[in-house]
């Protein structure tokens, strides 16, 4: 099974959801900020940059996009290819260093591809978010969608994880990490699973307003 199948099945569901934070420019951190915001992307191969030069990976491209807006960040790519939500939980403490202010959580695609019980994925993501919150680290949750081949019941349970956790744990949600790239062969590598460099740039462009607002909220809390 490929992540491409995962993406094609639920594009409609993704478009029906909206991020919790959308209007970034008004809330974005002030330009010329003295200290960069320490930020980690905790994810799997989709954010790690599988099959791409390191400079083309999502965290690097996002950092450049933020810097172009005058927002200074110190970015860490904590993506591990093949990782599940449970795997991310197991390595959380050493993946997110002390002093980190913000984490983008991009996990769950491999759970859905493997048909892992949604309750297991939900529990792992809950643990990740609550542990980060206990450390006073802000979290932006990126959603994923289940492939249609596991049936509607599985998809309904899996797809509900991200909006449910966003509401219950009070974290902003970007509903579908690969929005705008899913199912477009020109924007995916030959394996049909991972974005090309151009695809990564589209992911960055689409998520950027949400990330700006997310970081702006952090700056507002600390000002």
N, C-alpha and C. Protein backbone atom coordinates (compact mmCIF):
# COMPACT_ATOMS: atom_id res chain seq x y z
N UNK A 1 0.84 -1.19 0.00
CA UNK A 1 0.00 0.00 0.00
C UNK A 1 0.87 1.24 0.00
N UNK A 2 0.38 2.27 -0.61
CA UNK A 2 1.15 3.49 -0.71
C UNK A 2 0.42 4.62 -0.02
N UNK A 3 1.21 5.60 0.40
CA UNK A 3 0.62 6.79 0.98
C UNK A 3 -0.27 7.47 -0.04
N UNK A 4 0.01 7.28 -1.35
CA UNK A 4 -0.83 7.87 -2.38
C UNK A 4 -2.26 7.41 -2.25
N UNK A 5 -2.48 6.12 -1.94
CA UNK A 5 -3.83 5.61 -1.74
C UNK A 5 -4.47 6.32 -0.56
N UNK A 6 -3.71 6.47 0.49
CA UNK A 6 -4.17 7.16 1.68
C UNK A 6 -4.64 8.56 1.35
N UNK A 7 -3.91 9.23 0.48
CA UNK A 7 -4.20 10.61 0.18
C UNK A 7 -5.41 10.78 -0.71
N UNK A 8 -5.55 9.91 -1.71
CA UNK A 8 -6.62 10.05 -2.69
C UNK A 8 -7.99 9.82 -2.07
N UNK A 9 -8.06 8.92 -1.10
CA UNK A 9 -9.34 8.50 -0.57
C UNK A 9 -10.12 9.57 0.15
N UNK A 10 -9.42 10.55 0.75
CA UNK A 10 -10.12 11.47 1.64
C UNK A 10 -9.78 12.93 1.43
N UNK A 11 -9.52 13.32 0.21
CA UNK A 11 -9.25 14.73 -0.06
C UNK A 11 -10.47 15.59 0.27
N UNK A 12 -11.67 15.04 0.04
CA UNK A 12 -12.89 15.79 0.35
C UNK A 12 -13.00 16.05 1.83
N UNK A 13 -12.66 15.03 2.63
CA UNK A 13 -12.71 15.21 4.08
C UNK A 13 -11.75 16.28 4.53
N UNK A 14 -10.59 16.32 3.91
CA UNK A 14 -9.60 17.32 4.30
C UNK A 14 -10.09 18.72 3.99
N UNK A 15 -10.70 18.90 2.83
CA UNK A 15 -11.14 20.23 2.43
C UNK A 15 -12.30 20.71 3.27
N UNK A 16 -12.98 19.77 3.93
CA UNK A 16 -14.12 20.15 4.76
C UNK A 16 -13.69 20.69 6.11
N UNK A 17 -12.43 20.49 6.48
CA UNK A 17 -11.92 20.94 7.76
C UNK A 17 -11.08 22.19 7.55
N UNK A 18 -10.98 23.03 8.57
CA UNK A 18 -10.16 24.23 8.49
C UNK A 18 -9.23 24.30 9.67
N UNK A 19 -8.04 24.85 9.49
CA UNK A 19 -7.11 24.96 10.60
C UNK A 19 -7.66 25.85 11.70
N UNK A 20 -7.21 25.61 12.92
CA UNK A 20 -7.64 26.41 14.04
C UNK A 20 -7.06 27.81 13.98
N UNK A 21 -5.93 27.97 13.31
CA UNK A 21 -5.28 29.26 13.19
C UNK A 21 -5.09 29.55 11.71
N UNK A 22 -5.66 30.66 11.24
CA UNK A 22 -5.56 30.92 9.82
C UNK A 22 -4.96 32.29 9.50
N UNK A 23 -5.30 33.31 10.25
CA UNK A 23 -4.90 34.66 9.88
C UNK A 23 -3.58 35.01 10.54
N UNK A 24 -2.53 34.57 9.89
CA UNK A 24 -1.22 34.69 10.50
C UNK A 24 -0.62 36.08 10.50
N UNK A 25 -0.71 36.83 9.40
CA UNK A 25 0.06 38.06 9.35
C UNK A 25 -0.18 38.99 10.54
N UNK A 26 -1.44 39.07 11.03
CA UNK A 26 -1.74 39.97 12.12
C UNK A 26 -1.10 39.51 13.42
N UNK A 27 -0.91 38.18 13.56
CA UNK A 27 -0.43 37.63 14.82
C UNK A 27 1.02 37.16 14.76
N UNK A 28 1.64 37.28 13.61
CA UNK A 28 2.98 36.73 13.44
C UNK A 28 3.98 37.42 14.35
N UNK A 29 5.03 36.69 14.75
CA UNK A 29 6.05 37.32 15.60
C UNK A 29 6.64 38.54 14.92
N UNK A 30 7.00 39.52 15.72
CA UNK A 30 7.54 40.76 15.16
C UNK A 30 8.85 40.49 14.43
N UNK A 31 9.03 41.17 13.31
CA UNK A 31 10.27 41.02 12.57
C UNK A 31 11.42 41.62 13.38
N UNK A 32 12.59 41.05 13.18
CA UNK A 32 13.75 41.53 13.89
C UNK A 32 13.82 41.05 15.33
N UNK A 33 13.04 40.04 15.65
CA UNK A 33 13.05 39.49 17.01
C UNK A 33 14.47 39.05 17.36
N UNK A 34 14.89 39.37 18.58
CA UNK A 34 16.27 39.14 18.97
C UNK A 34 16.63 37.66 19.03
N UNK A 35 15.73 36.86 19.60
CA UNK A 35 16.04 35.43 19.76
C UNK A 35 15.17 34.59 18.85
N UNK A 36 15.77 33.67 18.12
CA UNK A 36 14.96 32.78 17.28
C UNK A 36 14.14 31.82 18.15
N UNK A 37 12.99 31.43 17.64
CA UNK A 37 12.13 30.47 18.32
C UNK A 37 12.66 29.07 18.04
N UNK A 38 12.93 28.31 19.08
CA UNK A 38 13.40 26.93 18.90
C UNK A 38 12.20 26.05 18.57
N UNK A 39 12.27 25.37 17.43
CA UNK A 39 11.14 24.63 16.89
C UNK A 39 11.59 23.26 16.40
N UNK A 40 10.75 22.26 16.61
CA UNK A 40 11.03 20.89 16.18
C UNK A 40 9.87 20.39 15.33
N UNK A 41 10.19 19.70 14.25
CA UNK A 41 9.18 18.97 13.48
C UNK A 41 9.34 17.49 13.82
N UNK A 42 8.39 16.96 14.57
CA UNK A 42 8.40 15.56 14.99
C UNK A 42 7.53 14.79 14.02
N UNK A 43 8.16 14.01 13.14
CA UNK A 43 7.36 13.38 12.10
C UNK A 43 7.94 12.09 11.56
N UNK A 44 7.41 11.69 10.40
CA UNK A 44 7.86 10.49 9.71
C UNK A 44 8.53 10.89 8.40
N UNK A 45 8.55 10.00 7.43
CA UNK A 45 9.26 10.28 6.19
C UNK A 45 8.67 11.44 5.40
N UNK A 46 7.39 11.73 5.61
CA UNK A 46 6.75 12.81 4.86
C UNK A 46 7.36 14.17 5.21
N UNK A 47 7.71 14.35 6.45
CA UNK A 47 8.35 15.61 6.86
C UNK A 47 9.87 15.50 6.92
N UNK A 48 10.37 14.27 7.03
CA UNK A 48 11.82 14.09 7.17
C UNK A 48 12.58 14.43 5.89
N UNK A 49 11.90 14.30 4.74
CA UNK A 49 12.55 14.58 3.46
C UNK A 49 13.06 13.34 2.77
N UNK A 50 12.35 12.22 2.93
CA UNK A 50 12.76 10.97 2.31
C UNK A 50 12.94 11.14 0.80
N UNK A 51 14.08 10.68 0.30
CA UNK A 51 14.36 10.72 -1.13
C UNK A 51 14.79 12.07 -1.66
N UNK A 52 15.00 13.03 -0.77
CA UNK A 52 15.35 14.38 -1.19
C UNK A 52 16.66 14.82 -0.56
N UNK A 53 17.33 15.79 -1.15
CA UNK A 53 18.50 16.38 -0.47
C UNK A 53 18.04 17.00 0.85
N UNK A 54 18.93 17.04 1.81
CA UNK A 54 18.57 17.57 3.14
C UNK A 54 17.99 18.98 3.03
N UNK A 55 18.51 19.77 2.11
CA UNK A 55 18.06 21.15 1.98
C UNK A 55 16.64 21.27 1.45
N UNK A 56 16.08 20.18 0.92
CA UNK A 56 14.73 20.21 0.36
C UNK A 56 13.68 19.66 1.31
N UNK A 57 14.11 19.22 2.49
CA UNK A 57 13.17 18.64 3.45
C UNK A 57 12.23 19.71 4.01
N UNK A 58 11.05 19.28 4.43
CA UNK A 58 10.02 20.19 4.92
C UNK A 58 10.53 21.15 6.00
N UNK A 59 11.21 20.69 7.06
CA UNK A 59 11.63 21.63 8.10
C UNK A 59 12.55 22.74 7.58
N UNK A 60 13.45 22.39 6.68
CA UNK A 60 14.38 23.37 6.12
C UNK A 60 13.64 24.39 5.27
N UNK A 61 12.74 23.89 4.43
CA UNK A 61 11.98 24.79 3.55
C UNK A 61 11.03 25.68 4.35
N UNK A 62 10.45 25.12 5.42
CA UNK A 62 9.58 25.92 6.27
C UNK A 62 10.38 27.02 6.97
N UNK A 63 11.57 26.68 7.45
CA UNK A 63 12.41 27.69 8.10
C UNK A 63 12.72 28.83 7.14
N UNK A 64 13.05 28.50 5.90
CA UNK A 64 13.36 29.54 4.92
C UNK A 64 12.14 30.41 4.63
N UNK A 65 10.96 29.78 4.56
CA UNK A 65 9.73 30.54 4.30
C UNK A 65 9.42 31.48 5.47
N UNK A 66 9.65 31.01 6.67
CA UNK A 66 9.41 31.86 7.85
C UNK A 66 10.42 33.01 7.89
N UNK A 67 11.66 32.71 7.59
CA UNK A 67 12.69 33.75 7.60
C UNK A 67 12.40 34.82 6.54
N UNK A 68 11.80 34.39 5.41
CA UNK A 68 11.43 35.35 4.38
C UNK A 68 10.35 36.30 4.87
N UNK A 69 9.61 35.87 5.90
CA UNK A 69 8.59 36.71 6.52
C UNK A 69 9.15 37.49 7.70
N UNK A 70 10.45 37.34 7.96
CA UNK A 70 11.07 38.02 9.07
C UNK A 70 10.92 37.31 10.40
N UNK A 71 10.55 36.03 10.37
CA UNK A 71 10.36 35.25 11.59
C UNK A 71 11.55 34.32 11.78
N UNK A 72 12.31 34.55 12.82
CA UNK A 72 13.51 33.77 13.06
C UNK A 72 13.18 32.52 13.86
N UNK A 73 13.58 31.37 13.32
CA UNK A 73 13.38 30.10 14.02
C UNK A 73 14.67 29.28 13.97
N UNK A 74 14.87 28.52 15.01
CA UNK A 74 15.96 27.54 15.06
C UNK A 74 15.30 26.17 14.92
N UNK A 75 15.37 25.61 13.71
CA UNK A 75 14.57 24.43 13.36
C UNK A 75 15.35 23.13 13.50
N UNK A 76 14.68 22.12 14.06
CA UNK A 76 15.24 20.77 14.14
C UNK A 76 14.34 19.81 13.37
N UNK A 77 14.94 19.05 12.46
CA UNK A 77 14.22 18.02 11.72
C UNK A 77 14.29 16.72 12.53
N UNK A 78 13.19 16.40 13.22
CA UNK A 78 13.11 15.17 14.00
C UNK A 78 12.18 14.17 13.32
N UNK A 79 12.30 14.10 11.99
CA UNK A 79 11.52 13.13 11.23
C UNK A 79 12.28 11.82 11.09
N UNK A 80 11.59 10.71 11.24
CA UNK A 80 12.18 9.38 11.10
C UNK A 80 11.32 8.57 10.14
N UNK A 81 11.91 8.13 9.05
CA UNK A 81 11.16 7.36 8.05
C UNK A 81 10.62 6.08 8.66
N UNK A 82 9.36 5.80 8.36
CA UNK A 82 8.72 4.58 8.84
C UNK A 82 8.14 4.69 10.23
N UNK A 83 8.30 5.83 10.87
CA UNK A 83 7.86 5.97 12.25
C UNK A 83 6.33 6.02 12.35
N UNK A 84 5.83 5.43 13.41
CA UNK A 84 4.41 5.51 13.75
C UNK A 84 4.24 6.53 14.88
N UNK A 85 3.00 6.77 15.26
CA UNK A 85 2.76 7.66 16.40
C UNK A 85 3.38 7.08 17.66
N UNK A 86 3.29 5.78 17.82
CA UNK A 86 3.89 5.14 19.00
C UNK A 86 5.41 5.28 18.99
N UNK A 87 6.01 5.17 17.81
CA UNK A 87 7.45 5.35 17.69
C UNK A 87 7.86 6.77 18.05
N UNK A 88 7.07 7.73 17.62
CA UNK A 88 7.35 9.12 17.97
C UNK A 88 7.27 9.35 19.47
N UNK A 89 6.32 8.69 20.10
CA UNK A 89 6.19 8.81 21.56
C UNK A 89 7.42 8.24 22.25
N UNK A 90 7.91 7.11 21.77
CA UNK A 90 9.05 6.47 22.42
C UNK A 90 10.31 7.31 22.36
N UNK A 91 10.47 8.09 21.30
CA UNK A 91 11.69 8.89 21.15
C UNK A 91 11.46 10.37 21.47
N UNK A 92 10.33 10.68 22.03
CA UNK A 92 9.96 12.08 22.24
C UNK A 92 10.99 12.83 23.08
N UNK A 93 11.41 12.27 24.20
CA UNK A 93 12.27 12.99 25.13
C UNK A 93 13.60 13.40 24.51
N UNK A 94 14.18 12.50 23.70
CA UNK A 94 15.47 12.85 23.10
C UNK A 94 15.33 13.54 21.75
N UNK A 95 14.14 13.51 21.17
CA UNK A 95 13.93 14.21 19.90
C UNK A 95 13.63 15.69 20.11
N UNK A 96 13.05 16.02 21.26
CA UNK A 96 12.68 17.40 21.55
C UNK A 96 13.53 17.88 22.72
N UNK A 97 14.53 18.68 22.42
CA UNK A 97 15.50 19.11 23.43
C UNK A 97 14.90 20.14 24.38
N UNK A 98 15.51 20.25 25.53
CA UNK A 98 15.13 21.30 26.47
C UNK A 98 15.33 22.66 25.81
N UNK A 99 14.43 23.57 26.11
CA UNK A 99 14.50 24.90 25.52
C UNK A 99 13.67 25.05 24.27
N UNK A 100 13.10 23.94 23.78
CA UNK A 100 12.22 24.00 22.60
C UNK A 100 10.95 24.75 22.97
N UNK A 101 10.52 25.66 22.10
CA UNK A 101 9.31 26.44 22.35
C UNK A 101 8.10 25.90 21.60
N UNK A 102 8.32 25.23 20.46
CA UNK A 102 7.21 24.81 19.62
C UNK A 102 7.54 23.51 18.89
N UNK A 103 6.52 22.66 18.76
CA UNK A 103 6.68 21.40 18.03
C UNK A 103 5.53 21.23 17.05
N UNK A 104 5.87 20.91 15.82
CA UNK A 104 4.88 20.48 14.83
C UNK A 104 4.87 18.96 14.85
N UNK A 105 3.72 18.37 15.16
CA UNK A 105 3.59 16.92 15.22
C UNK A 105 2.96 16.43 13.92
N UNK A 106 3.74 15.67 13.15
CA UNK A 106 3.27 15.11 11.87
C UNK A 106 3.49 13.60 11.94
N UNK A 107 2.54 12.90 12.50
CA UNK A 107 2.63 11.45 12.67
C UNK A 107 1.27 10.81 12.45
N UNK A 108 1.30 9.56 12.01
CA UNK A 108 0.05 8.82 11.84
C UNK A 108 -0.14 8.20 10.48
N UNK A 109 0.60 8.68 9.46
CA UNK A 109 0.43 8.12 8.12
C UNK A 109 0.77 6.63 8.10
N UNK A 110 1.85 6.25 8.76
CA UNK A 110 2.23 4.84 8.76
C UNK A 110 1.27 3.99 9.59
N UNK A 111 0.69 4.59 10.62
CA UNK A 111 -0.34 3.87 11.40
C UNK A 111 -1.51 3.51 10.48
N UNK A 112 -1.96 4.49 9.69
CA UNK A 112 -3.10 4.25 8.80
C UNK A 112 -2.75 3.25 7.71
N UNK A 113 -1.55 3.34 7.15
CA UNK A 113 -1.15 2.42 6.09
C UNK A 113 -1.08 0.98 6.59
N UNK A 114 -0.72 0.81 7.86
CA UNK A 114 -0.59 -0.53 8.43
C UNK A 114 -1.88 -1.03 9.09
N UNK A 115 -2.89 -0.18 9.11
CA UNK A 115 -4.15 -0.58 9.72
C UNK A 115 -4.07 -0.72 11.23
N UNK A 116 -3.18 0.03 11.86
CA UNK A 116 -3.05 -0.01 13.32
C UNK A 116 -4.34 0.48 13.96
N UNK A 117 -4.73 -0.16 15.04
CA UNK A 117 -5.94 0.22 15.76
C UNK A 117 -5.92 1.72 16.03
N UNK A 118 -6.94 2.46 15.58
CA UNK A 118 -6.97 3.91 15.83
C UNK A 118 -6.86 4.27 17.31
N UNK A 119 -7.31 3.39 18.19
CA UNK A 119 -7.20 3.66 19.62
C UNK A 119 -5.74 3.73 20.04
N UNK A 120 -4.88 2.92 19.40
CA UNK A 120 -3.45 2.93 19.71
C UNK A 120 -2.83 4.25 19.23
N UNK A 121 -3.18 4.65 18.02
CA UNK A 121 -2.68 5.91 17.48
C UNK A 121 -3.15 7.09 18.31
N UNK A 122 -4.41 7.08 18.67
CA UNK A 122 -4.97 8.16 19.49
C UNK A 122 -4.24 8.27 20.82
N UNK A 123 -4.00 7.13 21.46
CA UNK A 123 -3.32 7.13 22.76
C UNK A 123 -1.90 7.67 22.64
N UNK A 124 -1.20 7.27 21.58
CA UNK A 124 0.18 7.72 21.40
C UNK A 124 0.24 9.22 21.15
N UNK A 125 -0.63 9.73 20.28
CA UNK A 125 -0.65 11.16 20.00
C UNK A 125 -1.06 11.96 21.24
N UNK A 126 -2.00 11.42 21.99
CA UNK A 126 -2.41 12.07 23.24
C UNK A 126 -1.23 12.19 24.19
N UNK A 127 -0.48 11.11 24.32
CA UNK A 127 0.70 11.13 25.20
C UNK A 127 1.73 12.14 24.73
N UNK A 128 1.97 12.18 23.42
CA UNK A 128 2.95 13.13 22.88
C UNK A 128 2.54 14.56 23.21
N UNK A 129 1.29 14.88 22.94
CA UNK A 129 0.83 16.26 23.15
C UNK A 129 0.84 16.63 24.63
N UNK A 130 0.33 15.75 25.47
CA UNK A 130 0.25 16.08 26.89
C UNK A 130 1.65 16.17 27.52
N UNK A 131 2.57 15.34 27.07
CA UNK A 131 3.94 15.42 27.59
C UNK A 131 4.60 16.73 27.17
N UNK A 132 4.36 17.16 25.94
CA UNK A 132 4.92 18.43 25.49
C UNK A 132 4.28 19.60 26.25
N UNK A 133 2.98 19.52 26.45
CA UNK A 133 2.30 20.58 27.19
C UNK A 133 2.80 20.66 28.63
N UNK A 134 3.10 19.51 29.21
CA UNK A 134 3.64 19.50 30.57
C UNK A 134 5.00 20.19 30.63
N UNK A 135 5.70 20.19 29.51
CA UNK A 135 7.00 20.86 29.42
C UNK A 135 6.86 22.32 28.96
N UNK A 136 5.62 22.79 28.86
CA UNK A 136 5.33 24.16 28.43
C UNK A 136 5.77 24.41 27.00
N UNK A 137 5.62 23.39 26.16
CA UNK A 137 5.97 23.49 24.75
C UNK A 137 4.68 23.53 23.93
N UNK A 138 4.55 24.52 23.08
CA UNK A 138 3.37 24.65 22.24
C UNK A 138 3.37 23.60 21.13
N UNK A 139 2.19 23.13 20.76
CA UNK A 139 2.05 22.06 19.77
C UNK A 139 1.11 22.48 18.64
N UNK A 140 1.55 22.21 17.42
CA UNK A 140 0.69 22.30 16.24
C UNK A 140 0.53 20.89 15.71
N UNK A 141 -0.69 20.40 15.65
CA UNK A 141 -0.97 19.03 15.22
C UNK A 141 -1.34 19.01 13.74
N UNK A 142 -0.65 18.15 12.98
CA UNK A 142 -0.96 17.97 11.55
C UNK A 142 -1.75 16.68 11.37
N UNK A 143 -2.88 16.79 10.71
CA UNK A 143 -3.75 15.63 10.53
C UNK A 143 -3.35 14.76 9.36
N UNK A 144 -3.80 13.51 9.44
CA UNK A 144 -3.64 12.55 8.36
C UNK A 144 -4.98 11.85 8.18
N UNK A 145 -5.15 11.21 7.04
CA UNK A 145 -6.42 10.56 6.70
C UNK A 145 -6.20 9.10 6.36
N UNK A 146 -7.15 8.28 6.75
CA UNK A 146 -7.03 6.83 6.55
C UNK A 146 -7.34 6.43 5.11
N UNK A 147 -6.67 5.39 4.60
CA UNK A 147 -6.97 4.91 3.25
C UNK A 147 -8.34 4.25 3.22
N UNK A 148 -9.01 4.28 2.07
CA UNK A 148 -10.36 3.72 1.98
C UNK A 148 -10.41 2.20 2.06
N UNK A 149 -9.29 1.52 1.81
CA UNK A 149 -9.33 0.06 1.71
C UNK A 149 -9.52 -0.65 3.05
N UNK A 150 -9.44 0.09 4.16
CA UNK A 150 -9.71 -0.54 5.45
C UNK A 150 -11.18 -0.41 5.85
N UNK A 151 -11.96 0.22 5.01
CA UNK A 151 -13.39 0.33 5.27
C UNK A 151 -13.76 1.63 5.95
N UNK A 152 -15.05 1.94 5.86
CA UNK A 152 -15.53 3.22 6.37
C UNK A 152 -15.48 3.31 7.88
N UNK A 153 -15.67 2.20 8.57
CA UNK A 153 -15.64 2.24 10.03
C UNK A 153 -14.24 2.60 10.54
N UNK A 154 -13.22 1.95 9.94
CA UNK A 154 -11.84 2.25 10.33
C UNK A 154 -11.53 3.71 10.01
N UNK A 155 -11.90 4.14 8.80
CA UNK A 155 -11.60 5.51 8.39
C UNK A 155 -12.25 6.53 9.32
N UNK A 156 -13.49 6.28 9.69
CA UNK A 156 -14.19 7.22 10.57
C UNK A 156 -13.49 7.33 11.92
N UNK A 157 -13.06 6.20 12.46
CA UNK A 157 -12.38 6.22 13.76
C UNK A 157 -11.02 6.89 13.67
N UNK A 158 -10.30 6.60 12.60
CA UNK A 158 -8.96 7.18 12.45
C UNK A 158 -9.04 8.68 12.17
N UNK A 159 -9.89 9.06 11.24
CA UNK A 159 -9.95 10.46 10.84
C UNK A 159 -10.41 11.37 11.95
N UNK A 160 -11.16 10.81 12.89
CA UNK A 160 -11.67 11.62 14.01
C UNK A 160 -10.59 11.95 15.03
N UNK A 161 -9.47 11.22 14.98
CA UNK A 161 -8.43 11.40 16.00
C UNK A 161 -7.96 12.84 16.07
N UNK A 162 -7.61 13.41 14.95
CA UNK A 162 -6.94 14.71 14.92
C UNK A 162 -7.86 15.86 15.35
N UNK A 163 -9.05 16.00 14.77
CA UNK A 163 -9.94 17.07 15.25
C UNK A 163 -10.35 16.87 16.71
N UNK A 164 -10.53 15.62 17.11
CA UNK A 164 -10.89 15.35 18.51
C UNK A 164 -9.80 15.82 19.46
N UNK A 165 -8.55 15.48 19.16
CA UNK A 165 -7.45 15.86 20.03
C UNK A 165 -7.22 17.37 20.01
N UNK A 166 -7.41 17.97 18.85
CA UNK A 166 -7.28 19.42 18.77
C UNK A 166 -8.24 20.10 19.73
N UNK A 167 -9.47 19.62 19.76
CA UNK A 167 -10.48 20.22 20.63
C UNK A 167 -10.25 19.87 22.09
N UNK A 168 -10.02 18.59 22.37
CA UNK A 168 -9.94 18.16 23.77
C UNK A 168 -8.66 18.62 24.47
N UNK A 169 -7.58 18.77 23.71
CA UNK A 169 -6.30 19.16 24.31
C UNK A 169 -5.94 20.61 24.04
N UNK A 170 -6.78 21.30 23.28
CA UNK A 170 -6.58 22.72 23.06
C UNK A 170 -5.35 23.06 22.22
N UNK A 171 -5.11 22.28 21.16
CA UNK A 171 -3.98 22.57 20.28
C UNK A 171 -4.50 22.89 18.88
N UNK A 172 -3.81 23.79 18.17
CA UNK A 172 -4.23 24.10 16.80
C UNK A 172 -4.03 22.91 15.87
N UNK A 173 -4.87 22.83 14.86
CA UNK A 173 -4.86 21.71 13.91
C UNK A 173 -4.69 22.21 12.49
N UNK A 174 -3.75 21.58 11.77
CA UNK A 174 -3.70 21.71 10.32
C UNK A 174 -4.25 20.39 9.79
N UNK A 175 -5.45 20.38 9.22
CA UNK A 175 -6.20 19.13 9.02
C UNK A 175 -5.53 18.04 8.19
N UNK A 176 -4.80 18.43 7.13
CA UNK A 176 -4.25 17.41 6.24
C UNK A 176 -2.87 17.86 5.77
N UNK A 177 -1.84 17.21 6.26
CA UNK A 177 -0.47 17.66 6.00
C UNK A 177 -0.15 17.78 4.52
N UNK A 178 -0.65 16.86 3.70
CA UNK A 178 -0.32 16.85 2.28
C UNK A 178 -1.39 17.49 1.40
N UNK A 179 -2.15 18.36 1.98
CA UNK A 179 -3.17 19.08 1.22
C UNK A 179 -2.52 19.82 0.05
N UNK A 180 -3.08 19.63 -1.14
CA UNK A 180 -2.55 20.28 -2.33
C UNK A 180 -1.49 19.48 -3.07
N UNK A 181 -1.03 18.40 -2.44
CA UNK A 181 0.01 17.56 -3.04
C UNK A 181 -0.50 16.14 -3.27
N UNK A 182 -1.40 15.70 -2.43
CA UNK A 182 -1.93 14.34 -2.51
C UNK A 182 -2.50 14.03 -3.88
N UNK A 183 -2.15 12.84 -4.38
CA UNK A 183 -2.71 12.30 -5.61
C UNK A 183 -2.28 13.03 -6.88
N UNK A 184 -1.34 13.94 -6.77
CA UNK A 184 -0.82 14.63 -7.94
C UNK A 184 0.54 14.00 -8.28
N UNK A 185 0.57 13.21 -9.35
CA UNK A 185 1.78 12.47 -9.70
C UNK A 185 2.97 13.39 -9.94
N UNK A 186 2.72 14.60 -10.44
CA UNK A 186 3.82 15.52 -10.73
C UNK A 186 4.48 16.03 -9.46
N UNK A 187 3.78 15.94 -8.35
CA UNK A 187 4.29 16.48 -7.09
C UNK A 187 4.77 15.39 -6.14
N UNK A 188 4.75 14.14 -6.63
CA UNK A 188 5.22 13.02 -5.82
C UNK A 188 6.35 12.29 -6.52
N UNK A 189 7.20 11.68 -5.74
CA UNK A 189 8.32 10.92 -6.28
C UNK A 189 7.82 9.67 -7.00
N UNK A 190 8.72 8.97 -7.64
CA UNK A 190 8.36 7.80 -8.45
C UNK A 190 7.67 6.72 -7.62
N UNK A 191 7.93 6.70 -6.32
CA UNK A 191 7.30 5.67 -5.48
C UNK A 191 5.83 5.97 -5.21
N UNK A 192 5.38 7.15 -5.62
CA UNK A 192 3.99 7.52 -5.39
C UNK A 192 3.66 7.77 -3.94
N UNK A 193 4.66 7.87 -3.09
CA UNK A 193 4.44 7.96 -1.66
C UNK A 193 4.93 9.25 -1.04
N UNK A 194 5.97 9.83 -1.59
CA UNK A 194 6.63 10.96 -0.94
C UNK A 194 6.69 12.16 -1.88
N UNK A 195 6.50 13.36 -1.35
CA UNK A 195 6.53 14.56 -2.19
C UNK A 195 7.89 14.80 -2.82
N UNK A 196 7.88 15.36 -4.01
CA UNK A 196 9.10 15.87 -4.62
C UNK A 196 9.47 17.18 -3.92
N UNK A 197 10.60 17.75 -4.31
CA UNK A 197 10.98 19.04 -3.75
C UNK A 197 9.91 20.09 -4.04
N UNK A 198 9.35 20.06 -5.25
CA UNK A 198 8.28 20.99 -5.59
C UNK A 198 7.05 20.73 -4.72
N UNK A 199 6.77 19.46 -4.47
CA UNK A 199 5.65 19.11 -3.61
C UNK A 199 5.83 19.62 -2.20
N UNK A 200 7.06 19.49 -1.68
CA UNK A 200 7.34 19.99 -0.34
C UNK A 200 7.10 21.50 -0.28
N UNK A 201 7.52 22.21 -1.31
CA UNK A 201 7.32 23.66 -1.31
C UNK A 201 5.84 24.03 -1.30
N UNK A 202 5.01 23.21 -1.94
CA UNK A 202 3.56 23.47 -1.91
C UNK A 202 3.00 23.19 -0.51
N UNK A 203 3.47 22.11 0.12
CA UNK A 203 3.06 21.83 1.49
C UNK A 203 3.41 23.02 2.38
N UNK A 204 4.62 23.53 2.22
CA UNK A 204 5.08 24.68 3.02
C UNK A 204 4.21 25.90 2.75
N UNK A 205 3.95 26.17 1.49
CA UNK A 205 3.13 27.34 1.13
C UNK A 205 1.75 27.24 1.76
N UNK A 206 1.16 26.06 1.74
CA UNK A 206 -0.20 25.90 2.26
C UNK A 206 -0.28 25.96 3.78
N UNK A 207 0.73 25.42 4.45
CA UNK A 207 0.70 25.37 5.91
C UNK A 207 1.25 26.66 6.54
N UNK A 208 1.95 27.47 5.76
CA UNK A 208 2.65 28.64 6.29
C UNK A 208 1.75 29.59 7.09
N UNK A 209 0.56 29.97 6.59
CA UNK A 209 -0.28 30.87 7.39
C UNK A 209 -0.64 30.30 8.76
N UNK A 210 -0.87 28.99 8.82
CA UNK A 210 -1.19 28.36 10.09
C UNK A 210 0.01 28.39 11.03
N UNK A 211 1.21 28.13 10.48
CA UNK A 211 2.42 28.15 11.31
C UNK A 211 2.71 29.57 11.79
N UNK A 212 2.51 30.54 10.92
CA UNK A 212 2.72 31.94 11.33
C UNK A 212 1.81 32.30 12.50
N UNK A 213 0.55 31.93 12.41
CA UNK A 213 -0.40 32.23 13.48
C UNK A 213 -0.03 31.48 14.75
N UNK A 214 0.40 30.25 14.59
CA UNK A 214 0.83 29.42 15.72
C UNK A 214 2.00 30.08 16.46
N UNK A 215 3.00 30.51 15.72
CA UNK A 215 4.15 31.15 16.34
C UNK A 215 3.79 32.53 16.89
N UNK A 216 2.86 33.20 16.21
CA UNK A 216 2.40 34.49 16.72
C UNK A 216 1.71 34.37 18.06
N UNK A 217 0.95 33.29 18.24
CA UNK A 217 0.27 33.06 19.51
C UNK A 217 1.29 32.83 20.62
N UNK A 218 2.37 32.09 20.29
CA UNK A 218 3.44 31.85 21.27
C UNK A 218 4.07 33.17 21.67
N UNK A 219 4.39 34.01 20.70
CA UNK A 219 5.02 35.29 20.99
C UNK A 219 4.11 36.16 21.84
N UNK A 220 2.81 36.11 21.55
CA UNK A 220 1.85 36.90 22.32
C UNK A 220 1.78 36.47 23.77
N UNK A 221 1.88 35.17 24.00
CA UNK A 221 1.84 34.65 25.36
C UNK A 221 3.07 35.05 26.15
N UNK A 222 4.19 35.23 25.45
CA UNK A 222 5.45 35.52 26.14
C UNK A 222 5.77 37.00 26.21
N UNK A 223 4.97 37.83 25.54
CA UNK A 223 5.28 39.26 25.52
C UNK A 223 4.77 39.95 26.78
